[in-house]
Structures are given as C-alpha cells and as structure tokens.
Amino acid sequence: MSNVSKWISAMRLRTLPLSISGIIVGGCLAAYNGFFIPLIFSLAILTTLSLQILSNLANDYGDGVKGTDNEDRIGPMRALQSGAITAKQMLFAIKINVVITLILACALIYVSFGSENFLLSLLFFVLGIGCVVAAIKYTVGNSAYGYRGLGDIFVFVFFGLVSVIGSYVLFVKRIDGITILPAIAIGLLSTGVLNLNNMRDIASDAKSNKNTLVVKLGSKRAKNYHYFLVGGAMVLTALFGVLYYKSPWNFIFLVVFMPLIKHIITVYKNEIPKDLDPELKKLALSTFFLALLLGIGRLL
C-alpha cells in the first residue's frame, strides 16, 4: 500500500457523508427562510469533514494503542492494527489535523459573524474547541468516554443538535423552531450508526473492556434501542413534514423510509453480529440521503 493510500484508508472516507448530513439540513433550512451564503456553507462542510477525519484518526490511534483493535475485531483493519502507520506517525497526523480544523473553524466563525456578533463568535469558538476535544477523547486517554458508554450522547449532540441547529445559526444568527425536529432526527440516526457499529463489535469490545452502551445493555436490549433510534427518526421527520407542509415536494424524503424499514427488519432477524457490518454503510448513506431530500424538498 502506498503512503498516500494508507492515509486515505485511515481517514475512512466512507464515514464522511454521514458527518455532513446535519450541515446540509441546516443550510437548506436557512436557504428556505431566505438566508444562505455559499462561502459559509462551504466552510461549514470543510470544517465538519476535517472534524470527522480527526475523529477517525483519533479513534484509530486510541483503539490501536489500547489493543482494542485486534484479531477479534470485525470490519476493515485499522491502520495501527495493520502496522501500516505507526502510533508516532498517527499522533503527529492528529496534531496537524487539529491545527487545520481550528483554522477552518476560525475562518467559518469570522465569515459568519465578523466583529458585530462577539457573543455568538465566542460561543461558536467554544463549541469548536468542544468538538475537537470530543473527537479526540472518544477513544484516546484513560478517561475516553467511548469506553464508558457515553459515545451515544456525544454523537446525538454533535451530529444532530450542534450540526443542524448550529449550522442554521451560522446563517440566520438565531435559533428557530423549524430546526428542532430535523436536528433530533439526524441525531437519532447518527446515533443509530454508532449503535450498529457497537452491536457488530459487542464481543471484541467486551473482551477489551470497551464498555459501550451495547455492551452494557446486551444484544437484545441494544436491538430494541436501535428500533427506537431509527423508528423515532422516521416518526419525527414525518411529523416535521406535516407541521411545516408547503407542497407535496416536502415529503420527497419518504422514499428513504423504504431502505430504513428494510434495515430495521434485517437487524430484527440478525443473530450473528458480524453480519451487521454491511448495514453500517446502508444506514449511514440512508441518513445522508434523508438529510439531502429533506433539505431539497423544503426548497422545491
């Protein structure tokens, strides 16, 4: 594997569409209300992508040095696990990525708020620092929250509430009720992706003392929790369509319900955790297309 290829693999590009789902929804809702600036949207996308890559690299590093990524793990082999990248190289890449992310975040805050909205600028700077810390601390360090079953809360907050509502505020400079239901729905689906990942890895995580929420709940209750996450998101997006109805195009997102329902059925029938691996990509892409169609449907 070439030097470039191994780093691209470590960045886990397949996770990137899910990470920008909330930004797409927030941007489209802002455009729907007459507020949209392409530069803000572009910087928000770039900042989010950089944060996701940071999270992926830190996750690889944290699980790698702890020995969680071993021969028992299901799914693609990680960079440290395979030996393609050393721990020292990964740590250096993480530091570089932190710098890039903070530069992008500062540029985004300046373009969005300038010098006229100091309090909002300060709030978003603190949020930016919080996002960077959360991306790293999921698996890195002795107090990694991903090892204590707290990953679901952080994913829901940052991928859902902060992503959708935060990106909307970048344009509009205020919080509006129209963002609440989509933010919760995207947060639930994003948490569903994490839950599915942890359901797949329940055996290896338990063996490595990575006490995810799935390890704490057990497989049966983790499945029920998963139905709540995916089903709840579907109910909330449907409710959003009804409450904010303007035209039939608003319901174009319903086409994504078909793969989501099929996904729930697959999880219900599953008895072998490793067989859930293909569902990760399906749920992540379904979330992305739901966000895209939810946003586009609002603009048509």
C-alpha atoms as a PDB file:
ATOM      1  CA  MET A   1       0.000   0.000   0.000  1.00  0.00           C
ATOM      2  CA  SER A   2       1.414   3.407  -0.986  1.00  0.00           C
ATOM      3  CA  ASN A   3       1.987   6.178   1.541  1.00  0.00           C
ATOM      4  CA  VAL A   4      -0.985   8.177   0.228  1.00  0.00           C
ATOM      5  CA  SER A   5      -3.272   5.141   0.075  1.00  0.00           C
ATOM      6  CA  LYS A   6      -2.664   4.140   3.680  1.00  0.00           C
ATOM      7  CA  TRP A   7      -3.541   7.626   4.924  1.00  0.00           C
ATOM      8  CA  ILE A   8      -6.679   7.765   2.776  1.00  0.00           C
ATOM      9  CA  SER A   9      -7.659   4.399   4.217  1.00  0.00           C
ATOM     10  CA  ALA A  10      -7.019   5.654   7.778  1.00  0.00           C
ATOM     11  CA  MET A  11      -9.257   8.678   7.151  1.00  0.00           C
ATOM     12  CA  ARG A  12     -12.162   6.292   6.441  1.00  0.00           C
ATOM     13  CA  LEU A  13     -13.782   8.311   3.676  1.00  0.00           C
ATOM     14  CA  ARG A  14     -16.954   6.220   3.797  1.00  0.00           C
ATOM     15  CA  THR A  15     -17.849   7.932   7.096  1.00  0.00           C
ATOM     16  CA  LEU A  16     -17.751  11.448   5.625  1.00  0.00           C
ATOM     17  CA  PRO A  17     -21.243  11.662   4.029  1.00  0.00           C
ATOM     18  CA  LEU A  18     -22.882  10.957   7.396  1.00  0.00           C
ATOM     19  CA  SER A  19     -20.850  13.695   9.082  1.00  0.00           C
ATOM     20  CA  ILE A  20     -22.160  16.451   6.786  1.00  0.00           C
ATOM     21  CA  SER A  21     -25.820  15.368   6.882  1.00  0.00           C
ATOM     22  CA  GLY A  22     -26.694  17.894   9.583  1.00  0.00           C
ATOM     23  CA  ILE A  23     -24.899  20.706   7.758  1.00  0.00           C
ATOM     24  CA  ILE A  24     -26.924  20.003   4.619  1.00  0.00           C
ATOM     25  CA  VAL A  25     -30.197  20.158   6.544  1.00  0.00           C
ATOM     26  CA  GLY A  26     -29.227  23.324   8.427  1.00  0.00           C
ATOM     27  CA  GLY A  27     -28.062  25.036   5.237  1.00  0.00           C
ATOM     28  CA  CYS A  28     -31.221  24.134   3.325  1.00  0.00           C
ATOM     29  CA  LEU A  29     -33.478  25.337   6.143  1.00  0.00           C
ATOM     30  CA  ALA A  30     -31.560  28.612   6.232  1.00  0.00           C
ATOM     31  CA  ALA A  31     -31.975  28.956   2.451  1.00  0.00           C
ATOM     32  CA  TYR A  32     -35.689  28.193   2.814  1.00  0.00           C
ATOM     33  CA  ASN A  33     -36.003  31.149   5.198  1.00  0.00           C
ATOM     34  CA  GLY A  34     -34.061  33.425   2.845  1.00  0.00           C
ATOM     35  CA  PHE A  35     -30.618  33.185   4.444  1.00  0.00           C
ATOM     36  CA  PHE A  36     -27.849  31.452   2.535  1.00  0.00           C
ATOM     37  CA  ILE A  37     -24.238  32.342   1.823  1.00  0.00           C
ATOM     38  CA  PRO A  38     -22.265  29.798  -0.241  1.00  0.00           C
ATOM     39  CA  LEU A  39     -18.959  30.626   1.472  1.00  0.00           C
ATOM     40  CA  ILE A  40     -20.401  29.926   4.922  1.00  0.00           C
ATOM     41  CA  PHE A  41     -21.856  26.642   3.699  1.00  0.00           C
ATOM     42  CA  SER A  42     -18.565  25.613   2.086  1.00  0.00           C
ATOM     43  CA  LEU A  43     -16.537  26.425   5.198  1.00  0.00           C
ATOM     44  CA  ALA A  44     -19.054  24.599   7.393  1.00  0.00           C
ATOM     45  CA  ILE A  45     -18.739  21.497   5.199  1.00  0.00           C
ATOM     46  CA  LEU A  46     -14.918  21.662   5.202  1.00  0.00           C
ATOM     47  CA  THR A  47     -14.763  22.177   8.975  1.00  0.00           C
ATOM     48  CA  THR A  48     -17.090  19.238   9.575  1.00  0.00           C
ATOM     49  CA  LEU A  49     -15.148  16.971   7.223  1.00  0.00           C
ATOM     50  CA  SER A  50     -11.923  17.914   8.976  1.00  0.00           C
ATOM     51  CA  LEU A  51     -13.506  17.141  12.354  1.00  0.00           C
ATOM     52  CA  GLN A  52     -14.703  13.745  11.133  1.00  0.00           C
ATOM     53  CA  ILE A  53     -11.277  12.863   9.768  1.00  0.00           C
ATOM     54  CA  LEU A  54      -9.786  13.951  13.104  1.00  0.00           C
ATOM     55  CA  SER A  55     -12.240  11.685  14.901  1.00  0.00           C
ATOM     56  CA  ASN A  56     -11.380   8.759  12.632  1.00  0.00           C
ATOM     57  CA  LEU A  57      -7.639   9.171  13.115  1.00  0.00           C
ATOM     58  CA  ALA A  58      -8.014   9.597  16.878  1.00  0.00           C
ATOM     59  CA  ASN A  59     -10.284   6.544  17.035  1.00  0.00           C
ATOM     60  CA  ASP A  60      -7.715   4.501  15.141  1.00  0.00           C
ATOM     61  CA  TYR A  61      -4.975   5.719  17.473  1.00  0.00           C
ATOM     62  CA  GLY A  62      -6.936   5.292  20.716  1.00  0.00           C
ATOM     63  CA  ASP A  63      -8.216   1.788  19.971  1.00  0.00           C
ATOM     64  CA  GLY A  64      -4.849   0.837  18.490  1.00  0.00           C
ATOM     65  CA  VAL A  65      -2.689   1.738  21.483  1.00  0.00           C
ATOM     66  CA  LYS A  66      -5.217   0.193  23.884  1.00  0.00           C
ATOM     67  CA  GLY A  67      -5.214  -3.074  21.944  1.00  0.00           C
ATOM     68  CA  THR A  68      -8.953  -2.915  21.261  1.00  0.00           C
ATOM     69  CA  ASP A  69      -8.303  -3.310  17.543  1.00  0.00           C
ATOM     70  CA  ASN A  70      -7.075  -6.891  17.435  1.00  0.00           C
ATOM     71  CA  GLU A  71      -7.711 -10.164  15.625  1.00  0.00           C
ATOM     72  CA  ASP A  72     -11.165 -10.400  17.238  1.00  0.00           C
ATOM     73  CA  ARG A  73     -12.368  -7.152  15.685  1.00  0.00           C
ATOM     74  CA  ILE A  74     -14.881  -7.333  12.830  1.00  0.00           C
ATOM     75  CA  GLY A  75     -14.750  -4.908   9.912  1.00  0.00           C
ATOM     76  CA  PRO A  76     -11.942  -3.260   7.932  1.00  0.00           C
ATOM     77  CA  MET A  77      -8.492  -3.498   9.524  1.00  0.00           C
ATOM     78  CA  ARG A  78      -7.350  -0.236  11.082  1.00  0.00           C
ATOM     79  CA  ALA A  79      -4.070   1.500  10.236  1.00  0.00           C
ATOM     80  CA  LEU A  80      -2.328   0.943  13.583  1.00  0.00           C
ATOM     81  CA  GLN A  81      -3.713  -2.562  13.830  1.00  0.00           C
ATOM     82  CA  SER A  82      -2.234  -3.491  10.448  1.00  0.00           C
ATOM     83  CA  GLY A  83       1.075  -1.745  11.081  1.00  0.00           C
ATOM     84  CA  ALA A  84       0.671   0.459   8.001  1.00  0.00           C
ATOM     85  CA  ILE A  85       1.023   3.561  10.203  1.00  0.00           C
ATOM     86  CA  THR A  86       2.930   3.777  13.467  1.00  0.00           C
ATOM     87  CA  ALA A  87       1.495   5.269  16.650  1.00  0.00           C
ATOM     88  CA  LYS A  88       4.005   8.138  16.435  1.00  0.00           C
ATOM     89  CA  GLN A  89       3.006   8.938  12.849  1.00  0.00           C
ATOM     90  CA  MET A  90      -0.685   8.819  13.735  1.00  0.00           C
ATOM     91  CA  LEU A  91      -0.243  11.101  16.729  1.00  0.00           C
ATOM     92  CA  PHE A  92       1.605  13.637  14.555  1.00  0.00           C
ATOM     93  CA  ALA A  93      -1.181  13.471  11.940  1.00  0.00           C
ATOM     94  CA  ILE A  94      -3.757  14.082  14.679  1.00  0.00           C
ATOM     95  CA  LYS A  95      -1.894  17.204  15.819  1.00  0.00           C
ATOM     96  CA  ILE A  96      -1.737  18.528  12.247  1.00  0.00           C
ATOM     97  CA  ASN A  97      -5.432  17.786  11.804  1.00  0.00           C
ATOM     98  CA  VAL A  98      -6.279  19.706  14.993  1.00  0.00           C
ATOM     99  CA  VAL A  99      -4.496  22.774  13.628  1.00  0.00           C
ATOM    100  CA  ILE A 100      -6.276  22.516  10.256  1.00  0.00           C
ATOM    101  CA  THR A 101      -9.653  22.071  11.951  1.00  0.00           C
ATOM    102  CA  LEU A 102      -9.166  25.092  14.215  1.00  0.00           C
ATOM    103  CA  ILE A 103      -8.056  27.271  11.288  1.00  0.00           C
ATOM    104  CA  LEU A 104     -11.148  26.267   9.315  1.00  0.00           C
ATOM    105  CA  ALA A 105     -13.387  26.808  12.347  1.00  0.00           C
ATOM    106  CA  CYS A 106     -11.964  30.280  12.973  1.00  0.00           C
ATOM    107  CA  ALA A 107     -12.419  31.200   9.315  1.00  0.00           C
ATOM    108  CA  LEU A 108     -16.007  29.958   9.443  1.00  0.00           C
ATOM    109  CA  ILE A 109     -16.755  31.952  12.599  1.00  0.00           C
ATOM    110  CA  TYR A 110     -15.202  35.123  11.169  1.00  0.00           C
ATOM    111  CA  VAL A 111     -17.069  34.885   7.854  1.00  0.00           C
ATOM    112  CA  SER A 112     -20.358  34.122   9.638  1.00  0.00           C
ATOM    113  CA  PHE A 113     -20.285  36.645  12.469  1.00  0.00           C
ATOM    114  CA  GLY A 114     -17.493  39.134  11.720  1.00  0.00           C
ATOM    115  CA  SER A 115     -16.860  41.560  14.561  1.00  0.00           C
ATOM    116  CA  GLU A 116     -20.524  42.505  15.000  1.00  0.00           C
ATOM    117  CA  ASN A 117     -21.610  39.374  16.882  1.00  0.00           C
ATOM    118  CA  PHE A 118     -18.953  38.898  19.544  1.00  0.00           C
ATOM    119  CA  LEU A 119     -21.040  36.693  21.835  1.00  0.00           C
ATOM    120  CA  LEU A 120     -22.021  34.332  19.014  1.00  0.00           C
ATOM    121  CA  SER A 121     -18.405  34.244  17.844  1.00  0.00           C
ATOM    122  CA  LEU A 122     -17.278  33.341  21.357  1.00  0.00           C
ATOM    123  CA  LEU A 123     -19.995  30.697  21.710  1.00  0.00           C
ATOM    124  CA  PHE A 124     -19.069  29.038  18.429  1.00  0.00           C
ATOM    125  CA  PHE A 125     -15.364  29.177  19.244  1.00  0.00           C
ATOM    126  CA  VAL A 126     -16.095  27.297  22.480  1.00  0.00           C
ATOM    127  CA  LEU A 127     -18.256  24.844  20.507  1.00  0.00           C
ATOM    128  CA  GLY A 128     -15.400  24.368  18.058  1.00  0.00           C
ATOM    129  CA  ILE A 129     -12.974  23.550  20.876  1.00  0.00           C
ATOM    130  CA  GLY A 130     -15.585  21.209  22.340  1.00  0.00           C
ATOM    131  CA  CYS A 131     -15.955  19.404  19.012  1.00  0.00           C
ATOM    132  CA  VAL A 132     -12.191  18.924  18.716  1.00  0.00           C
ATOM    133  CA  VAL A 133     -11.921  17.599  22.277  1.00  0.00           C
ATOM    134  CA  ALA A 134     -14.913  15.288  21.763  1.00  0.00           C
ATOM    135  CA  ALA A 135     -13.426  13.945  18.521  1.00  0.00           C
ATOM    136  CA  ILE A 136     -10.203  13.019  20.298  1.00  0.00           C
ATOM    137  CA  LYS A 137     -11.485  11.866  23.679  1.00  0.00           C
ATOM    138  CA  TYR A 138     -13.869   9.236  22.272  1.00  0.00           C
ATOM    139  CA  THR A 139     -11.113   6.603  22.456  1.00  0.00           C
ATOM    140  CA  VAL A 140      -7.928   8.468  23.430  1.00  0.00           C
ATOM    141  CA  GLY A 141      -6.752   8.626  27.035  1.00  0.00           C
ATOM    142  CA  ASN A 142      -7.619   6.851  30.275  1.00  0.00           C
ATOM    143  CA  SER A 143     -10.938   8.709  30.549  1.00  0.00           C
ATOM    144  CA  ALA A 144     -12.096   8.042  26.968  1.00  0.00           C
ATOM    145  CA  TYR A 145     -15.863   8.425  27.044  1.00  0.00           C
ATOM    146  CA  GLY A 146     -16.402   5.820  24.317  1.00  0.00           C
ATOM    147  CA  TYR A 147     -15.153   3.207  26.775  1.00  0.00           C
ATOM    148  CA  ARG A 148     -17.751   4.260  29.367  1.00  0.00           C
ATOM    149  CA  GLY A 149     -20.890   4.011  27.250  1.00  0.00           C
ATOM    150  CA  LEU A 150     -21.177   7.764  26.665  1.00  0.00           C
ATOM    151  CA  GLY A 151     -20.492   7.803  22.925  1.00  0.00           C
ATOM    152  CA  ASP A 152     -24.185   7.805  22.045  1.00  0.00           C
ATOM    153  CA  ILE A 153     -24.832  11.042  23.925  1.00  0.00           C
ATOM    154  CA  PHE A 154     -21.950  12.851  22.245  1.00  0.00           C
ATOM    155  CA  VAL A 155     -22.923  11.629  18.764  1.00  0.00           C
ATOM    156  CA  PHE A 156     -26.529  12.722  19.275  1.00  0.00           C
ATOM    157  CA  VAL A 157     -25.494  16.174  20.487  1.00  0.00           C
ATOM    158  CA  PHE A 158     -22.736  16.926  17.974  1.00  0.00           C
ATOM    159  CA  PHE A 159     -24.019  15.117  14.852  1.00  0.00           C
ATOM    160  CA  GLY A 160     -27.618  16.154  15.472  1.00  0.00           C
ATOM    161  CA  LEU A 161     -28.251  19.231  17.593  1.00  0.00           C
ATOM    162  CA  VAL A 162     -24.976  21.098  17.061  1.00  0.00           C
ATOM    163  CA  SER A 163     -24.706  20.153  13.380  1.00  0.00           C
ATOM    164  CA  VAL A 164     -28.228  21.111  12.286  1.00  0.00           C
ATOM    165  CA  ILE A 165     -29.077  23.938  14.676  1.00  0.00           C
ATOM    166  CA  GLY A 166     -25.516  25.250  14.775  1.00  0.00           C
ATOM    167  CA  SER A 167     -25.151  25.420  11.011  1.00  0.00           C
ATOM    168  CA  TYR A 168     -28.535  27.156  10.777  1.00  0.00           C
ATOM    169  CA  VAL A 169     -27.427  29.799  13.286  1.00  0.00           C
ATOM    170  CA  LEU A 170     -24.292  30.447  11.228  1.00  0.00           C
ATOM    171  CA  PHE A 171     -26.575  31.832   8.518  1.00  0.00           C
ATOM    172  CA  VAL A 172     -29.552  33.222  10.406  1.00  0.00           C
ATOM    173  CA  LYS A 173     -27.897  34.317  13.697  1.00  0.00           C
ATOM    174  CA  ARG A 174     -30.754  32.864  15.754  1.00  0.00           C
ATOM    175  CA  ILE A 175     -32.404  29.553  16.640  1.00  0.00           C
ATOM    176  CA  ASP A 176     -35.779  28.860  15.011  1.00  0.00           C
ATOM    177  CA  GLY A 177     -38.265  26.099  15.819  1.00  0.00           C
ATOM    178  CA  ILE A 178     -38.070  24.695  12.287  1.00  0.00           C
ATOM    179  CA  THR A 179     -34.646  23.217  13.097  1.00  0.00           C
ATOM    180  CA  ILE A 180     -35.599  21.220  16.205  1.00  0.00           C
ATOM    181  CA  LEU A 181     -37.276  18.113  14.747  1.00  0.00           C
ATOM    182  CA  PRO A 182     -34.711  17.626  11.939  1.00  0.00           C
ATOM    183  CA  ALA A 183     -31.866  18.090  14.426  1.00  0.00           C
ATOM    184  CA  ILE A 184     -33.252  15.401  16.713  1.00  0.00           C
ATOM    185  CA  ALA A 185     -33.970  13.065  13.770  1.00  0.00           C
ATOM    186  CA  ILE A 186     -30.451  13.357  12.306  1.00  0.00           C
ATOM    187  CA  GLY A 187     -29.039  12.932  15.805  1.00  0.00           C
ATOM    188  CA  LEU A 188     -31.033   9.740  16.341  1.00  0.00           C
ATOM    189  CA  LEU A 189     -29.965   8.238  13.006  1.00  0.00           C
ATOM    190  CA  SER A 190     -26.319   9.154  13.576  1.00  0.00           C
ATOM    191  CA  THR A 191     -26.514   7.527  16.997  1.00  0.00           C
ATOM    192  CA  GLY A 192     -28.069   4.536  15.254  1.00  0.00           C
ATOM    193  CA  VAL A 193     -24.947   4.179  13.104  1.00  0.00           C
ATOM    194  CA  LEU A 194     -22.771   4.154  16.225  1.00  0.00           C
ATOM    195  CA  ASN A 195     -25.101   1.685  17.937  1.00  0.00           C
ATOM    196  CA  LEU A 196     -24.995  -0.611  14.914  1.00  0.00           C
ATOM    197  CA  ASN A 197     -21.199  -0.445  14.894  1.00  0.00           C
ATOM    198  CA  ASN A 198     -21.142  -1.346  18.579  1.00  0.00           C
ATOM    199  CA  MET A 199     -23.659  -4.168  18.072  1.00  0.00           C
ATOM    200  CA  ARG A 200     -21.335  -5.631  15.446  1.00  0.00           C
ATOM    201  CA  ASP A 201     -18.323  -5.337  17.766  1.00  0.00           C
ATOM    202  CA  ILE A 202     -20.030  -6.390  21.024  1.00  0.00           C
ATOM    203  CA  ALA A 203     -17.888  -9.485  21.574  1.00  0.00           C
ATOM    204  CA  SER A 204     -14.499  -7.879  20.880  1.00  0.00           C
ATOM    205  CA  ASP A 205     -15.429  -4.700  22.784  1.00  0.00           C
ATOM    206  CA  ALA A 206     -16.494  -6.659  25.861  1.00  0.00           C
ATOM    207  CA  LYS A 207     -13.285  -8.697  25.703  1.00  0.00           C
ATOM    208  CA  SER A 208     -11.222  -5.471  25.504  1.00  0.00           C
ATOM    209  CA  ASN A 209     -13.146  -3.761  28.340  1.00  0.00           C
ATOM    210  CA  LYS A 210     -14.595  -1.198  25.948  1.00  0.00           C
ATOM    211  CA  ASN A 211     -17.892  -0.776  27.772  1.00  0.00           C
ATOM    212  CA  THR A 212     -20.048   0.729  25.057  1.00  0.00           C
ATOM    213  CA  LEU A 213     -23.753   1.177  25.689  1.00  0.00           C
ATOM    214  CA  VAL A 214     -24.354  -2.022  23.697  1.00  0.00           C
ATOM    215  CA  VAL A 215     -22.016  -3.973  25.989  1.00  0.00           C
ATOM    216  CA  LYS A 216     -23.905  -2.593  28.978  1.00  0.00           C
ATOM    217  CA  LEU A 217     -27.362  -3.267  27.514  1.00  0.00           C
ATOM    218  CA  GLY A 218     -26.713  -6.645  25.935  1.00  0.00           C
ATOM    219  CA  SER A 219     -27.664  -7.660  22.388  1.00  0.00           C
ATOM    220  CA  LYS A 220     -31.438  -7.942  22.873  1.00  0.00           C
ATOM    221  CA  ARG A 221     -31.941  -4.562  24.524  1.00  0.00           C
ATOM    222  CA  ALA A 222     -29.449  -2.978  22.114  1.00  0.00           C
ATOM    223  CA  LYS A 223     -31.712  -4.102  19.264  1.00  0.00           C
ATOM    224  CA  ASN A 224     -34.757  -2.534  20.942  1.00  0.00           C
ATOM    225  CA  TYR A 225     -32.748   0.639  21.425  1.00  0.00           C
ATOM    226  CA  HIS A 226     -31.845   0.543  17.730  1.00  0.00           C
ATOM    227  CA  TYR A 227     -35.508   0.285  16.695  1.00  0.00           C
ATOM    228  CA  PHE A 228     -36.197   3.344  18.850  1.00  0.00           C
ATOM    229  CA  LEU A 229     -33.384   5.345  17.229  1.00  0.00           C
ATOM    230  CA  VAL A 230     -34.246   4.581  13.601  1.00  0.00           C
ATOM    231  CA  GLY A 231     -38.017   4.399  14.070  1.00  0.00           C
ATOM    232  CA  GLY A 232     -38.042   7.563  16.173  1.00  0.00           C
ATOM    233  CA  ALA A 233     -36.154   9.459  13.476  1.00  0.00           C
ATOM    234  CA  MET A 234     -38.694   8.352  10.870  1.00  0.00           C
ATOM    235  CA  VAL A 235     -41.614   9.477  13.037  1.00  0.00           C
ATOM    236  CA  LEU A 236     -40.018  12.873  13.696  1.00  0.00           C
ATOM    237  CA  THR A 237     -39.212  13.562  10.038  1.00  0.00           C
ATOM    238  CA  ALA A 238     -42.769  12.614   9.064  1.00  0.00           C
ATOM    239  CA  LEU A 239     -44.096  14.930  11.794  1.00  0.00           C
ATOM    240  CA  PHE A 240     -41.820  17.689  10.511  1.00  0.00           C
ATOM    241  CA  GLY A 241     -43.265  17.240   7.021  1.00  0.00           C
ATOM    242  CA  VAL A 242     -46.798  17.585   8.364  1.00  0.00           C
ATOM    243  CA  LEU A 243     -46.166  20.550  10.661  1.00  0.00           C
ATOM    244  CA  TYR A 244     -44.238  22.549   8.071  1.00  0.00           C
ATOM    245  CA  TYR A 245     -46.102  21.427   4.971  1.00  0.00           C
ATOM    246  CA  LYS A 246     -45.940  23.768   1.974  1.00  0.00           C
ATOM    247  CA  SER A 247     -46.076  21.468  -1.049  1.00  0.00           C
ATOM    248  CA  PRO A 248     -46.053  17.714  -1.877  1.00  0.00           C
ATOM    249  CA  TRP A 249     -42.321  18.027  -2.578  1.00  0.00           C
ATOM    250  CA  ASN A 250     -41.790  18.443   1.165  1.00  0.00           C
ATOM    251  CA  PHE A 251     -42.382  14.687   1.508  1.00  0.00           C
ATOM    252  CA  ILE A 252     -39.833  13.559  -1.066  1.00  0.00           C
ATOM    253  CA  PHE A 253     -37.723  12.243   1.836  1.00  0.00           C
ATOM    254  CA  LEU A 254     -40.266   9.438   2.343  1.00  0.00           C
ATOM    255  CA  VAL A 255     -38.512   7.391  -0.369  1.00  0.00           C
ATOM    256  CA  VAL A 256     -35.678   6.842   2.123  1.00  0.00           C
ATOM    257  CA  PHE A 257     -38.109   5.198   4.551  1.00  0.00           C
ATOM    258  CA  MET A 258     -38.061   2.069   2.380  1.00  0.00           C
ATOM    259  CA  PRO A 259     -34.361   1.237   2.958  1.00  0.00           C
ATOM    260  CA  LEU A 260     -34.726   2.279   6.608  1.00  0.00           C
ATOM    261  CA  ILE A 261     -37.627  -0.129   7.149  1.00  0.00           C
ATOM    262  CA  LYS A 262     -35.698  -2.869   5.361  1.00  0.00           C
ATOM    263  CA  HIS A 263     -32.734  -2.101   7.624  1.00  0.00           C
ATOM    264  CA  ILE A 264     -34.855  -2.482  10.774  1.00  0.00           C
ATOM    265  CA  ILE A 265     -36.142  -5.836   9.520  1.00  0.00           C
ATOM    266  CA  THR A 266     -32.584  -7.001   8.813  1.00  0.00           C
ATOM    267  CA  VAL A 267     -31.449  -6.050  12.324  1.00  0.00           C
ATOM    268  CA  TYR A 268     -34.509  -7.772  13.812  1.00  0.00           C
ATOM    269  CA  LYS A 269     -33.704 -11.027  12.016  1.00  0.00           C
ATOM    270  CA  ASN A 270     -29.962 -10.889  12.673  1.00  0.00           C
ATOM    271  CA  GLU A 271     -28.430 -13.423  15.058  1.00  0.00           C
ATOM    272  CA  ILE A 272     -24.756 -13.125  14.063  1.00  0.00           C
ATOM    273  CA  PRO A 273     -23.279  -9.691  14.982  1.00  0.00           C
ATOM    274  CA  LYS A 274     -20.586  -9.726  12.291  1.00  0.00           C
ATOM    275  CA  ASP A 275     -23.293  -9.959   9.614  1.00  0.00           C
ATOM    276  CA  LEU A 276     -24.401  -6.444  10.588  1.00  0.00           C
ATOM    277  CA  ASP A 277     -21.270  -4.934   9.018  1.00  0.00           C
ATOM    278  CA  PRO A 278     -22.865  -4.261   5.569  1.00  0.00           C
ATOM    279  CA  GLU A 279     -25.749  -2.485   7.302  1.00  0.00           C
ATOM    280  CA  LEU A 280     -23.417   0.228   8.568  1.00  0.00           C
ATOM    281  CA  LYS A 281     -22.863   1.659   5.104  1.00  0.00           C
ATOM    282  CA  LYS A 282     -26.567   1.318   4.261  1.00  0.00           C
ATOM    283  CA  LEU A 283     -27.722   3.183   7.372  1.00  0.00           C
ATOM    284  CA  ALA A 284     -25.082   5.910   7.007  1.00  0.00           C
ATOM    285  CA  LEU A 285     -25.979   6.527   3.351  1.00  0.00           C
ATOM    286  CA  SER A 286     -29.707   6.395   4.151  1.00  0.00           C
ATOM    287  CA  THR A 287     -29.151   9.110   6.755  1.00  0.00           C
ATOM    288  CA  PHE A 288     -27.245  11.218   4.233  1.00  0.00           C
ATOM    289  CA  PHE A 289     -29.939  10.897   1.557  1.00  0.00           C
ATOM    290  CA  LEU A 290     -32.708  11.535   4.074  1.00  0.00           C
ATOM    291  CA  ALA A 291     -30.955  14.778   5.043  1.00  0.00           C
ATOM    292  CA  LEU A 292     -30.406  15.707   1.396  1.00  0.00           C
ATOM    293  CA  LEU A 293     -34.017  15.053   0.353  1.00  0.00           C
ATOM    294  CA  LEU A 294     -35.409  16.660   3.494  1.00  0.00           C
ATOM    295  CA  GLY A 295     -33.478  19.818   2.651  1.00  0.00           C
ATOM    296  CA  ILE A 296     -34.129  19.812  -1.092  1.00  0.00           C
ATOM    297  CA  GLY A 297     -37.807  19.040  -0.565  1.00  0.00           C
ATOM    298  CA  ARG A 298     -38.101  22.126   1.582  1.00  0.00           C
ATOM    299  CA  LEU A 299     -36.653  24.292  -1.204  1.00  0.00           C
ATOM    300  CA  LEU A 300     -38.761  22.936  -4.091  1.00  0.00           C
END
